[in-house]
Every structure is written in structure tokens, then in C-alpha cells.
PDB file of N, CA and C in Angstrom:
ATOM      1  N   UNK A   1      -2.080   4.274  10.267  1.00  0.00           N
ATOM      2  CA  UNK A   1      -1.763   3.102  11.042  1.00  0.00           C
ATOM      3  C   UNK A   1      -0.747   2.287  10.265  1.00  0.00           C
ATOM      4  N   UNK A   2       0.393   2.070  10.830  1.00  0.00           N
ATOM      5  CA  UNK A   2       1.412   1.269  10.162  1.00  0.00           C
ATOM      6  C   UNK A   2       1.246  -0.188  10.583  1.00  0.00           C
ATOM      7  N   UNK A   3       1.825  -1.076   9.801  1.00  0.00           N
ATOM      8  CA  UNK A   3       1.687  -2.501  10.065  1.00  0.00           C
ATOM      9  C   UNK A   3       2.499  -2.873  11.298  1.00  0.00           C
ATOM     10  N   UNK A   4       1.863  -3.404  12.350  1.00  0.00           N
ATOM     11  CA  UNK A   4       2.584  -3.784  13.560  1.00  0.00           C
ATOM     12  C   UNK A   4       3.344  -5.091  13.383  1.00  0.00           C
ATOM     13  N   UNK A   5       4.113  -5.445  14.399  1.00  0.00           N
ATOM     14  CA  UNK A   5       4.907  -6.667  14.305  1.00  0.00           C
ATOM     15  C   UNK A   5       4.023  -7.908  14.185  1.00  0.00           C
ATOM     16  N   UNK A   6       2.843  -7.895  14.786  1.00  0.00           N
ATOM     17  CA  UNK A   6       1.916  -9.015  14.666  1.00  0.00           C
ATOM     18  C   UNK A   6       1.042  -8.783  13.438  1.00  0.00           C
ATOM     19  N   UNK A   7       1.632  -8.909  12.261  1.00  0.00           N
ATOM     20  CA  UNK A   7       0.958  -8.508  11.036  1.00  0.00           C
ATOM     21  C   UNK A   7      -0.229  -9.388  10.676  1.00  0.00           C
ATOM     22  N   UNK A   8      -0.203 -10.683  10.998  1.00  0.00           N
ATOM     23  CA  UNK A   8      -1.352 -11.531  10.660  1.00  0.00           C
ATOM     24  C   UNK A   8      -2.604 -11.060  11.397  1.00  0.00           C
ATOM     25  N   UNK A   9      -2.474 -10.679  12.642  1.00  0.00           N
ATOM     26  CA  UNK A   9      -3.613 -10.157  13.406  1.00  0.00           C
ATOM     27  C   UNK A   9      -4.093  -8.835  12.793  1.00  0.00           C
ATOM     28  N   UNK A  10      -3.152  -7.990  12.399  1.00  0.00           N
ATOM     29  CA  UNK A  10      -3.480  -6.714  11.743  1.00  0.00           C
ATOM     30  C   UNK A  10      -4.265  -6.976  10.464  1.00  0.00           C
ATOM     31  N   UNK A  11      -3.797  -7.885   9.624  1.00  0.00           N
ATOM     32  CA  UNK A  11      -4.462  -8.161   8.353  1.00  0.00           C
ATOM     33  C   UNK A  11      -5.846  -8.786   8.565  1.00  0.00           C
ATOM     34  N   UNK A  12      -5.977  -9.626   9.574  1.00  0.00           N
ATOM     35  CA  UNK A  12      -7.270 -10.231   9.883  1.00  0.00           C
ATOM     36  C   UNK A  12      -8.283  -9.151  10.267  1.00  0.00           C
ATOM     37  N   UNK A  13      -7.847  -8.212  11.101  1.00  0.00           N
ATOM     38  CA  UNK A  13      -8.716  -7.110  11.525  1.00  0.00           C
ATOM     39  C   UNK A  13      -9.062  -6.215  10.329  1.00  0.00           C
ATOM     40  N   UNK A  14      -8.072  -5.900   9.504  1.00  0.00           N
ATOM     41  CA  UNK A  14      -8.300  -5.071   8.321  1.00  0.00           C
ATOM     42  C   UNK A  14      -9.290  -5.744   7.383  1.00  0.00           C
ATOM     43  N   UNK A  15      -9.127  -7.029   7.161  1.00  0.00           N
ATOM     44  CA  UNK A  15     -10.025  -7.770   6.276  1.00  0.00           C
ATOM     45  C   UNK A  15     -11.467  -7.653   6.756  1.00  0.00           C
ATOM     46  N   UNK A  16     -11.675  -7.838   8.053  1.00  0.00           N
ATOM     47  CA  UNK A  16     -13.018  -7.717   8.623  1.00  0.00           C
ATOM     48  C   UNK A  16     -13.597  -6.324   8.430  1.00  0.00           C
ATOM     49  N   UNK A  17     -12.780  -5.314   8.675  1.00  0.00           N
ATOM     50  CA  UNK A  17     -13.237  -3.929   8.516  1.00  0.00           C
ATOM     51  C   UNK A  17     -13.593  -3.639   7.061  1.00  0.00           C
ATOM     52  N   UNK A  18     -12.781  -4.125   6.141  1.00  0.00           N
ATOM     53  CA  UNK A  18     -13.043  -3.874   4.728  1.00  0.00           C
ATOM     54  C   UNK A  18     -14.332  -4.559   4.266  1.00  0.00           C
ATOM     55  N   UNK A  19     -14.590  -5.766   4.751  1.00  0.00           N
ATOM     56  CA  UNK A  19     -15.827  -6.462   4.389  1.00  0.00           C
ATOM     57  C   UNK A  19     -17.050  -5.725   4.938  1.00  0.00           C
ATOM     58  N   UNK A  20     -16.929  -5.182   6.161  1.00  0.00           N
ATOM     59  CA  UNK A  20     -18.058  -4.522   6.809  1.00  0.00           C
ATOM     60  C   UNK A  20     -18.373  -3.148   6.230  1.00  0.00           C
ATOM     61  N   UNK A  21     -17.358  -2.435   5.780  1.00  0.00           N
ATOM     62  CA  UNK A  21     -17.553  -1.024   5.435  1.00  0.00           C
ATOM     63  C   UNK A  21     -17.563  -0.723   3.943  1.00  0.00           C
ATOM     64  N   UNK A  22     -17.311  -1.711   3.101  1.00  0.00           N
ATOM     65  CA  UNK A  22     -17.138  -1.430   1.679  1.00  0.00           C
ATOM     66  C   UNK A  22     -17.895  -2.428   0.826  1.00  0.00           C
ATOM     67  N   UNK A  23     -18.473  -1.930  -0.270  1.00  0.00           N
ATOM     68  CA  UNK A  23     -19.091  -2.797  -1.276  1.00  0.00           C
ATOM     69  C   UNK A  23     -18.037  -3.115  -2.327  1.00  0.00           C
ATOM     70  N   UNK A  24     -17.870  -4.394  -2.623  1.00  0.00           N
ATOM     71  CA  UNK A  24     -16.806  -4.817  -3.541  1.00  0.00           C
ATOM     72  C   UNK A  24     -17.370  -5.233  -4.880  1.00  0.00           C
ATOM     73  N   UNK A  25     -16.635  -4.986  -5.983  1.00  0.00           N
ATOM     74  CA  UNK A  25     -15.339  -4.312  -6.089  1.00  0.00           C
ATOM     75  C   UNK A  25     -15.452  -2.826  -5.754  1.00  0.00           C
ATOM     76  N   UNK A  26     -14.313  -2.255  -5.350  1.00  0.00           N
ATOM     77  CA  UNK A  26     -14.296  -0.864  -4.922  1.00  0.00           C
ATOM     78  C   UNK A  26     -12.913  -0.257  -5.150  1.00  0.00           C
ATOM     79  N   UNK A  27     -12.890   1.069  -5.264  1.00  0.00           N
ATOM     80  CA  UNK A  27     -11.600   1.746  -5.322  1.00  0.00           C
ATOM     81  C   UNK A  27     -10.988   1.717  -3.934  1.00  0.00           C
ATOM     82  N   UNK A  28      -9.672   1.546  -3.888  1.00  0.00           N
ATOM     83  CA  UNK A  28      -8.954   1.516  -2.615  1.00  0.00           C
ATOM     84  C   UNK A  28      -7.743   2.423  -2.730  1.00  0.00           C
ATOM     85  N   UNK A  29      -7.491   3.174  -1.666  1.00  0.00           N
ATOM     86  CA  UNK A  29      -6.346   4.084  -1.640  1.00  0.00           C
ATOM     87  C   UNK A  29      -5.291   3.550  -0.678  1.00  0.00           C
ATOM     88  N   UNK A  30      -4.167   3.129  -1.247  1.00  0.00           N
ATOM     89  CA  UNK A  30      -3.002   2.726  -0.455  1.00  0.00           C
ATOM     90  C   UNK A  30      -2.147   3.961  -0.204  1.00  0.00           C
ATOM     91  N   UNK A  31      -1.520   4.007   0.969  1.00  0.00           N
ATOM     92  CA  UNK A  31      -0.562   5.079   1.253  1.00  0.00           C
ATOM     93  C   UNK A  31       0.683   4.440   1.859  1.00  0.00           C
ATOM     94  N   UNK A  32       1.821   4.816   1.306  1.00  0.00           N
ATOM     95  CA  UNK A  32       3.104   4.290   1.765  1.00  0.00           C
ATOM     96  C   UNK A  32       4.084   5.432   1.960  1.00  0.00           C
ATOM     97  N   UNK A  33       5.042   5.212   2.838  1.00  0.00           N
ATOM     98  CA  UNK A  33       6.158   6.145   3.006  1.00  0.00           C
ATOM     99  C   UNK A  33       7.429   5.322   2.901  1.00  0.00           C
ATOM    100  N   UNK A  34       8.366   5.805   2.054  1.00  0.00           N
ATOM    101  CA  UNK A  34       9.668   5.149   1.910  1.00  0.00           C
ATOM    102  C   UNK A  34      10.749   6.217   1.950  1.00  0.00           C
ATOM    103  N   UNK A  35      11.955   5.803   2.335  1.00  0.00           N
ATOM    104  CA  UNK A  35      13.087   6.715   2.184  1.00  0.00           C
ATOM    105  C   UNK A  35      13.204   7.022   0.706  1.00  0.00           C
ATOM    106  N   UNK A  36      13.519   8.264   0.389  1.00  0.00           N
ATOM    107  CA  UNK A  36      13.624   8.647  -1.009  1.00  0.00           C
ATOM    108  C   UNK A  36      14.790   7.900  -1.632  1.00  0.00           C
ATOM    109  N   UNK A  37      14.437   6.884  -2.402  1.00  0.00           N
ATOM    110  CA  UNK A  37      15.389   5.994  -3.048  1.00  0.00           C
ATOM    111  C   UNK A  37      14.717   5.555  -4.344  1.00  0.00           C
ATOM    112  N   UNK A  38      15.302   5.918  -5.465  1.00  0.00           N
ATOM    113  CA  UNK A  38      14.685   5.643  -6.755  1.00  0.00           C
ATOM    114  C   UNK A  38      14.381   4.157  -6.938  1.00  0.00           C
ATOM    115  N   UNK A  39      15.258   3.292  -6.452  1.00  0.00           N
ATOM    116  CA  UNK A  39      15.043   1.854  -6.581  1.00  0.00           C
ATOM    117  C   UNK A  39      13.799   1.408  -5.832  1.00  0.00           C
ATOM    118  N   UNK A  40      13.620   1.877  -4.593  1.00  0.00           N
ATOM    119  CA  UNK A  40      12.448   1.497  -3.801  1.00  0.00           C
ATOM    120  C   UNK A  40      11.173   2.036  -4.427  1.00  0.00           C
ATOM    121  N   UNK A  41      11.218   3.268  -4.875  1.00  0.00           N
ATOM    122  CA  UNK A  41      10.035   3.884  -5.485  1.00  0.00           C
ATOM    123  C   UNK A  41       9.657   3.135  -6.761  1.00  0.00           C
ATOM    124  N   UNK A  42      10.642   2.791  -7.560  1.00  0.00           N
ATOM    125  CA  UNK A  42      10.384   2.057  -8.807  1.00  0.00           C
ATOM    126  C   UNK A  42       9.808   0.677  -8.514  1.00  0.00           C
ATOM    127  N   UNK A  43      10.343  -0.028  -7.502  1.00  0.00           N
ATOM    128  CA  UNK A  43       9.814  -1.349  -7.138  1.00  0.00           C
ATOM    129  C   UNK A  43       8.356  -1.241  -6.702  1.00  0.00           C
ATOM    130  N   UNK A  44       8.051  -0.205  -5.923  1.00  0.00           N
ATOM    131  CA  UNK A  44       6.677  -0.022  -5.476  1.00  0.00           C
ATOM    132  C   UNK A  44       5.750   0.232  -6.663  1.00  0.00           C
ATOM    133  N   UNK A  45       6.179   1.072  -7.590  1.00  0.00           N
ATOM    134  CA  UNK A  45       5.368   1.347  -8.779  1.00  0.00           C
ATOM    135  C   UNK A  45       5.170   0.078  -9.612  1.00  0.00           C
ATOM    136  N   UNK A  46       6.201  -0.745  -9.687  1.00  0.00           N
ATOM    137  CA  UNK A  46       6.138  -1.982 -10.473  1.00  0.00           C
ATOM    138  C   UNK A  46       5.109  -2.956  -9.890  1.00  0.00           C
ATOM    139  N   UNK A  47       4.976  -2.995  -8.579  1.00  0.00           N
ATOM    140  CA  UNK A  47       4.012  -3.886  -7.930  1.00  0.00           C
ATOM    141  C   UNK A  47       2.586  -3.581  -8.400  1.00  0.00           C
ATOM    142  N   UNK A  48       2.314  -2.307  -8.682  1.00  0.00           N
ATOM    143  CA  UNK A  48       0.972  -1.904  -9.102  1.00  0.00           C
ATOM    144  C   UNK A  48       0.883  -1.657 -10.607  1.00  0.00           C
ATOM    145  N   UNK A  49       1.929  -2.037 -11.343  1.00  0.00           N
ATOM    146  CA  UNK A  49       1.973  -1.814 -12.787  1.00  0.00           C
ATOM    147  C   UNK A  49       0.896  -2.627 -13.497  1.00  0.00           C
ATOM    148  N   UNK A  50       0.364  -2.068 -14.566  1.00  0.00           N
ATOM    149  CA  UNK A  50      -0.639  -2.734 -15.412  1.00  0.00           C
ATOM    150  C   UNK A  50      -1.926  -3.097 -14.670  1.00  0.00           C
ATOM    151  N   UNK A  51      -2.256  -2.329 -13.631  1.00  0.00           N
ATOM    152  CA  UNK A  51      -3.494  -2.557 -12.890  1.00  0.00           C
ATOM    153  C   UNK A  51      -4.436  -1.357 -13.002  1.00  0.00           C
ATOM    154  N   UNK A  52      -4.026  -0.347 -13.743  1.00  0.00           N
ATOM    155  CA  UNK A  52      -4.839   0.853 -13.857  1.00  0.00           C
ATOM    156  C   UNK A  52      -4.722   1.765 -12.652  1.00  0.00           C
ATOM    157  N   UNK A  53      -3.648   1.638 -11.910  1.00  0.00           N
ATOM    158  CA  UNK A  53      -3.459   2.436 -10.696  1.00  0.00           C
ATOM    159  C   UNK A  53      -3.088   3.874 -11.026  1.00  0.00           C
ATOM    160  N   UNK A  54      -3.597   4.782 -10.189  1.00  0.00           N
ATOM    161  CA  UNK A  54      -3.182   6.179 -10.247  1.00  0.00           C
ATOM    162  C   UNK A  54      -2.215   6.367  -9.077  1.00  0.00           C
ATOM    163  N   UNK A  55      -0.966   6.707  -9.400  1.00  0.00           N
ATOM    164  CA  UNK A  55       0.085   6.801  -8.384  1.00  0.00           C
ATOM    165  C   UNK A  55       0.541   8.249  -8.266  1.00  0.00           C
ATOM    166  N   UNK A  56       0.525   8.755  -7.031  1.00  0.00           N
ATOM    167  CA  UNK A  56       1.015  10.114  -6.752  1.00  0.00           C
ATOM    168  C   UNK A  56       2.151  10.031  -5.754  1.00  0.00           C
ATOM    169  N   UNK A  57       3.202  10.810  -6.008  1.00  0.00           N
ATOM    170  CA  UNK A  57       4.375  10.820  -5.133  1.00  0.00           C
ATOM    171  C   UNK A  57       4.630  12.246  -4.660  1.00  0.00           C
ATOM    172  N   UNK A  58       4.956  12.379  -3.371  1.00  0.00           N
ATOM    173  CA  UNK A  58       5.288  13.685  -2.800  1.00  0.00           C
ATOM    174  C   UNK A  58       6.502  13.508  -1.903  1.00  0.00           C
ATOM    175  N   UNK A  59       7.553  14.254  -2.186  1.00  0.00           N
ATOM    176  CA  UNK A  59       8.744  14.209  -1.335  1.00  0.00           C
ATOM    177  C   UNK A  59       8.528  15.071  -0.100  1.00  0.00           C
ATOM    178  N   UNK A  60       9.139  14.652   0.998  1.00  0.00           N
ATOM    179  CA  UNK A  60       9.083  15.455   2.215  1.00  0.00           C
ATOM    180  C   UNK A  60       9.858  16.752   1.990  1.00  0.00           C
ATOM    181  N   UNK A  61       9.668  17.693   2.894  1.00  0.00           N
ATOM    182  CA  UNK A  61      10.278  19.008   2.753  1.00  0.00           C
ATOM    183  C   UNK A  61      11.796  18.919   2.587  1.00  0.00           C
ATOM    184  N   UNK A  62      12.432  18.048   3.341  1.00  0.00           N
ATOM    185  CA  UNK A  62      13.889  17.923   3.247  1.00  0.00           C
ATOM    186  C   UNK A  62      14.337  16.889   2.220  1.00  0.00           C
ATOM    187  N   UNK A  63      13.363  16.202   1.575  1.00  0.00           N
ATOM    188  CA  UNK A  63      13.687  15.252   0.521  1.00  0.00           C
ATOM    189  C   UNK A  63      14.135  13.884   1.001  1.00  0.00           C
ATOM    190  N   UNK A  64      14.089  13.648   2.307  1.00  0.00           N
ATOM    191  CA  UNK A  64      14.566  12.382   2.851  1.00  0.00           C
ATOM    192  C   UNK A  64      13.565  11.243   2.638  1.00  0.00           C
ATOM    193  N   UNK A  65      12.273  11.565   2.640  1.00  0.00           N
ATOM    194  CA  UNK A  65      11.224  10.555   2.490  1.00  0.00           C
ATOM    195  C   UNK A  65      10.300  10.924   1.342  1.00  0.00           C
ATOM    196  N   UNK A  66       9.641   9.901   0.794  1.00  0.00           N
ATOM    197  CA  UNK A  66       8.647  10.107  -0.252  1.00  0.00           C
ATOM    198  C   UNK A  66       7.361   9.406   0.160  1.00  0.00           C
ATOM    199  N   UNK A  67       6.262  10.141   0.071  1.00  0.00           N
ATOM    200  CA  UNK A  67       4.936   9.598   0.318  1.00  0.00           C
ATOM    201  C   UNK A  67       4.370   9.169  -1.029  1.00  0.00           C
ATOM    202  N   UNK A  68       3.853   7.944  -1.079  1.00  0.00           N
ATOM    203  CA  UNK A  68       3.309   7.412  -2.328  1.00  0.00           C
ATOM    204  C   UNK A  68       1.874   6.967  -2.083  1.00  0.00           C
ATOM    205  N   UNK A  69       0.955   7.536  -2.858  1.00  0.00           N
ATOM    206  CA  UNK A  69      -0.456   7.149  -2.795  1.00  0.00           C
ATOM    207  C   UNK A  69      -0.788   6.375  -4.064  1.00  0.00           C
ATOM    208  N   UNK A  70      -1.473   5.265  -3.883  1.00  0.00           N
ATOM    209  CA  UNK A  70      -1.841   4.409  -5.014  1.00  0.00           C
ATOM    210  C   UNK A  70      -3.356   4.184  -4.941  1.00  0.00           C
ATOM    211  N   UNK A  71      -4.059   4.646  -5.952  1.00  0.00           N
ATOM    212  CA  UNK A  71      -5.515   4.504  -5.997  1.00  0.00           C
ATOM    213  C   UNK A  71      -5.875   3.569  -7.145  1.00  0.00           C
ATOM    214  N   UNK A  72      -6.596   2.490  -6.825  1.00  0.00           N
ATOM    215  CA  UNK A  72      -6.987   1.568  -7.884  1.00  0.00           C
ATOM    216  C   UNK A  72      -8.197   0.744  -7.482  1.00  0.00           C
ATOM    217  N   UNK A  73      -8.821   0.157  -8.486  1.00  0.00           N
ATOM    218  CA  UNK A  73      -9.997  -0.684  -8.279  1.00  0.00           C
ATOM    219  C   UNK A  73      -9.532  -2.071  -7.829  1.00  0.00           C
ATOM    220  N   UNK A  74     -10.035  -2.488  -6.685  1.00  0.00           N
ATOM    221  CA  UNK A  74      -9.693  -3.810  -6.154  1.00  0.00           C
ATOM    222  C   UNK A  74     -10.960  -4.654  -6.085  1.00  0.00           C
ATOM    223  N   UNK A  75     -10.816  -5.966  -6.249  1.00  0.00           N
ATOM    224  CA  UNK A  75     -11.979  -6.847  -6.336  1.00  0.00           C
ATOM    225  C   UNK A  75     -12.562  -7.228  -4.976  1.00  0.00           C
ATOM    226  N   UNK A  76     -11.694  -7.325  -3.938  1.00  0.00           N
ATOM    227  CA  UNK A  76     -12.173  -7.740  -2.613  1.00  0.00           C
ATOM    228  C   UNK A  76     -11.100  -7.454  -1.561  1.00  0.00           C
ATOM    229  N   UNK A  77     -11.446  -7.578  -0.280  1.00  0.00           N
ATOM    230  CA  UNK A  77     -10.460  -7.307   0.778  1.00  0.00           C
ATOM    231  C   UNK A  77      -9.207  -8.181   0.695  1.00  0.00           C
ATOM    232  N   UNK A  78      -9.359  -9.424   0.251  1.00  0.00           N
ATOM    233  CA  UNK A  78      -8.186 -10.303   0.159  1.00  0.00           C
ATOM    234  C   UNK A  78      -7.178  -9.781  -0.856  1.00  0.00           C
ATOM    235  N   UNK A  79      -7.664  -9.227  -1.971  1.00  0.00           N
ATOM    236  CA  UNK A  79      -6.745  -8.668  -2.972  1.00  0.00           C
ATOM    237  C   UNK A  79      -6.041  -7.423  -2.432  1.00  0.00           C
ATOM    238  N   UNK A  80      -6.732  -6.648  -1.590  1.00  0.00           N
ATOM    239  CA  UNK A  80      -6.114  -5.477  -0.958  1.00  0.00           C
ATOM    240  C   UNK A  80      -4.968  -5.928  -0.059  1.00  0.00           C
ATOM    241  N   UNK A  81      -5.230  -6.919   0.753  1.00  0.00           N
ATOM    242  CA  UNK A  81      -4.231  -7.415   1.707  1.00  0.00           C
ATOM    243  C   UNK A  81      -3.054  -8.067   0.992  1.00  0.00           C
ATOM    244  N   UNK A  82      -3.318  -8.786  -0.111  1.00  0.00           N
ATOM    245  CA  UNK A  82      -2.228  -9.404  -0.890  1.00  0.00           C
ATOM    246  C   UNK A  82      -1.215  -8.345  -1.326  1.00  0.00           C
ATOM    247  N   UNK A  83      -1.710  -7.190  -1.767  1.00  0.00           N
ATOM    248  CA  UNK A  83      -0.808  -6.123  -2.228  1.00  0.00           C
ATOM    249  C   UNK A  83      -0.015  -5.547  -1.064  1.00  0.00           C
ATOM    250  N   UNK A  84      -0.664  -5.361   0.096  1.00  0.00           N
ATOM    251  CA  UNK A  84       0.068  -4.884   1.272  1.00  0.00           C
ATOM    252  C   UNK A  84       1.215  -5.845   1.602  1.00  0.00           C
ATOM    253  N   UNK A  85       0.921  -7.139   1.573  1.00  0.00           N
ATOM    254  CA  UNK A  85       1.939  -8.141   1.892  1.00  0.00           C
ATOM    255  C   UNK A  85       3.059  -8.136   0.855  1.00  0.00           C
ATOM    256  N   UNK A  86       2.706  -8.004  -0.417  1.00  0.00           N
ATOM    257  CA  UNK A  86       3.720  -7.982  -1.472  1.00  0.00           C
ATOM    258  C   UNK A  86       4.646  -6.782  -1.310  1.00  0.00           C
ATOM    259  N   UNK A  87       4.079  -5.627  -1.011  1.00  0.00           N
ATOM    260  CA  UNK A  87       4.896  -4.425  -0.811  1.00  0.00           C
ATOM    261  C   UNK A  87       5.828  -4.620   0.380  1.00  0.00           C
ATOM    262  N   UNK A  88       5.296  -5.113   1.487  1.00  0.00           N
ATOM    263  CA  UNK A  88       6.111  -5.320   2.689  1.00  0.00           C
ATOM    264  C   UNK A  88       7.243  -6.315   2.439  1.00  0.00           C
ATOM    265  N   UNK A  89       6.978  -7.326   1.623  1.00  0.00           N
ATOM    266  CA  UNK A  89       7.971  -8.352   1.327  1.00  0.00           C
ATOM    267  C   UNK A  89       9.085  -7.833   0.399  1.00  0.00           C
ATOM    268  N   UNK A  90       8.709  -6.992  -0.560  1.00  0.00           N
ATOM    269  CA  UNK A  90       9.665  -6.592  -1.599  1.00  0.00           C
ATOM    270  C   UNK A  90      10.379  -5.271  -1.339  1.00  0.00           C
ATOM    271  N   UNK A  91       9.876  -4.467  -0.392  1.00  0.00           N
ATOM    272  CA  UNK A  91      10.472  -3.150  -0.177  1.00  0.00           C
ATOM    273  C   UNK A  91      10.836  -2.987   1.285  1.00  0.00           C
ATOM    274  N   UNK A  92      12.113  -3.035   1.563  1.00  0.00           N
ATOM    275  CA  UNK A  92      12.604  -2.938   2.922  1.00  0.00           C
ATOM    276  C   UNK A  92      12.355  -1.543   3.488  1.00  0.00           C
ATOM    277  N   UNK A  93      11.844  -1.504   4.715  1.00  0.00           N
ATOM    278  CA  UNK A  93      11.668  -0.231   5.414  1.00  0.00           C
ATOM    279  C   UNK A  93      10.435   0.563   5.016  1.00  0.00           C
ATOM    280  N   UNK A  94       9.547  -0.019   4.201  1.00  0.00           N
ATOM    281  CA  UNK A  94       8.334   0.695   3.801  1.00  0.00           C
ATOM    282  C   UNK A  94       7.387   0.807   4.987  1.00  0.00           C
ATOM    283  N   UNK A  95       6.721   1.937   5.081  1.00  0.00           N
ATOM    284  CA  UNK A  95       5.696   2.150   6.092  1.00  0.00           C
ATOM    285  C   UNK A  95       4.362   2.192   5.368  1.00  0.00           C
ATOM    286  N   UNK A  96       3.444   1.319   5.766  1.00  0.00           N
ATOM    287  CA  UNK A  96       2.100   1.287   5.183  1.00  0.00           C
ATOM    288  C   UNK A  96       1.163   2.029   6.117  1.00  0.00           C
ATOM    289  N   UNK A  97       0.410   2.939   5.549  1.00  0.00           N
ATOM    290  CA  UNK A  97      -0.532   3.714   6.362  1.00  0.00           C
ATOM    291  C   UNK A  97      -1.954   3.312   6.062  1.00  0.00           C
TER     292      UNK A  97
END
């Protein structure tokens, strides 16, 4: 599910789901897709730097896009959403899944 244009409603719904289905603190798996661009990939990695994140990157078959998975311990749903917002703000064209 990518972030729709009405992102505040999306984040409100996500927050509710995370509170209902998860015991916090908990590991959370972020998934993003970006055009394969070293600058964008580096910015995304920097957002999660020094947090103990495990980051995996996989290029698409033709190399045009890169899938990035970020697994890390988060304290609560609000901290999860803060990172989604930071990524969306700092990386143009990112798709959050």
C-alpha cells in the first residue's frame, strides 16, 4: 500500500492499526521503492543511520528501480509514522509500501 494523496488520513489509520495489532516496542519492517539513484538511496540510508537498522537493497531486473527494506526496533506507532513522513519529505518520488 503506497501513501495516498490524503496522507494524514492514511497515517491516522496506520497508527490505529499499529496500536491494535502490535505490542510496543517492536521490530518494524519498512519497505520503499526508489528510482535507482545513489543520492536517493544514500539519503534513505542516512535517515535510519545510527538506529541499529538492518537495511537490504535489491535492484529491479532492469536496474531502473531499487527496493529497500529497513528492519529496526521502534518504540511506538508514532515513531514509525515519523520516519515515514521524514522519508516522504526528504526523498522525491519514493514509494512507501
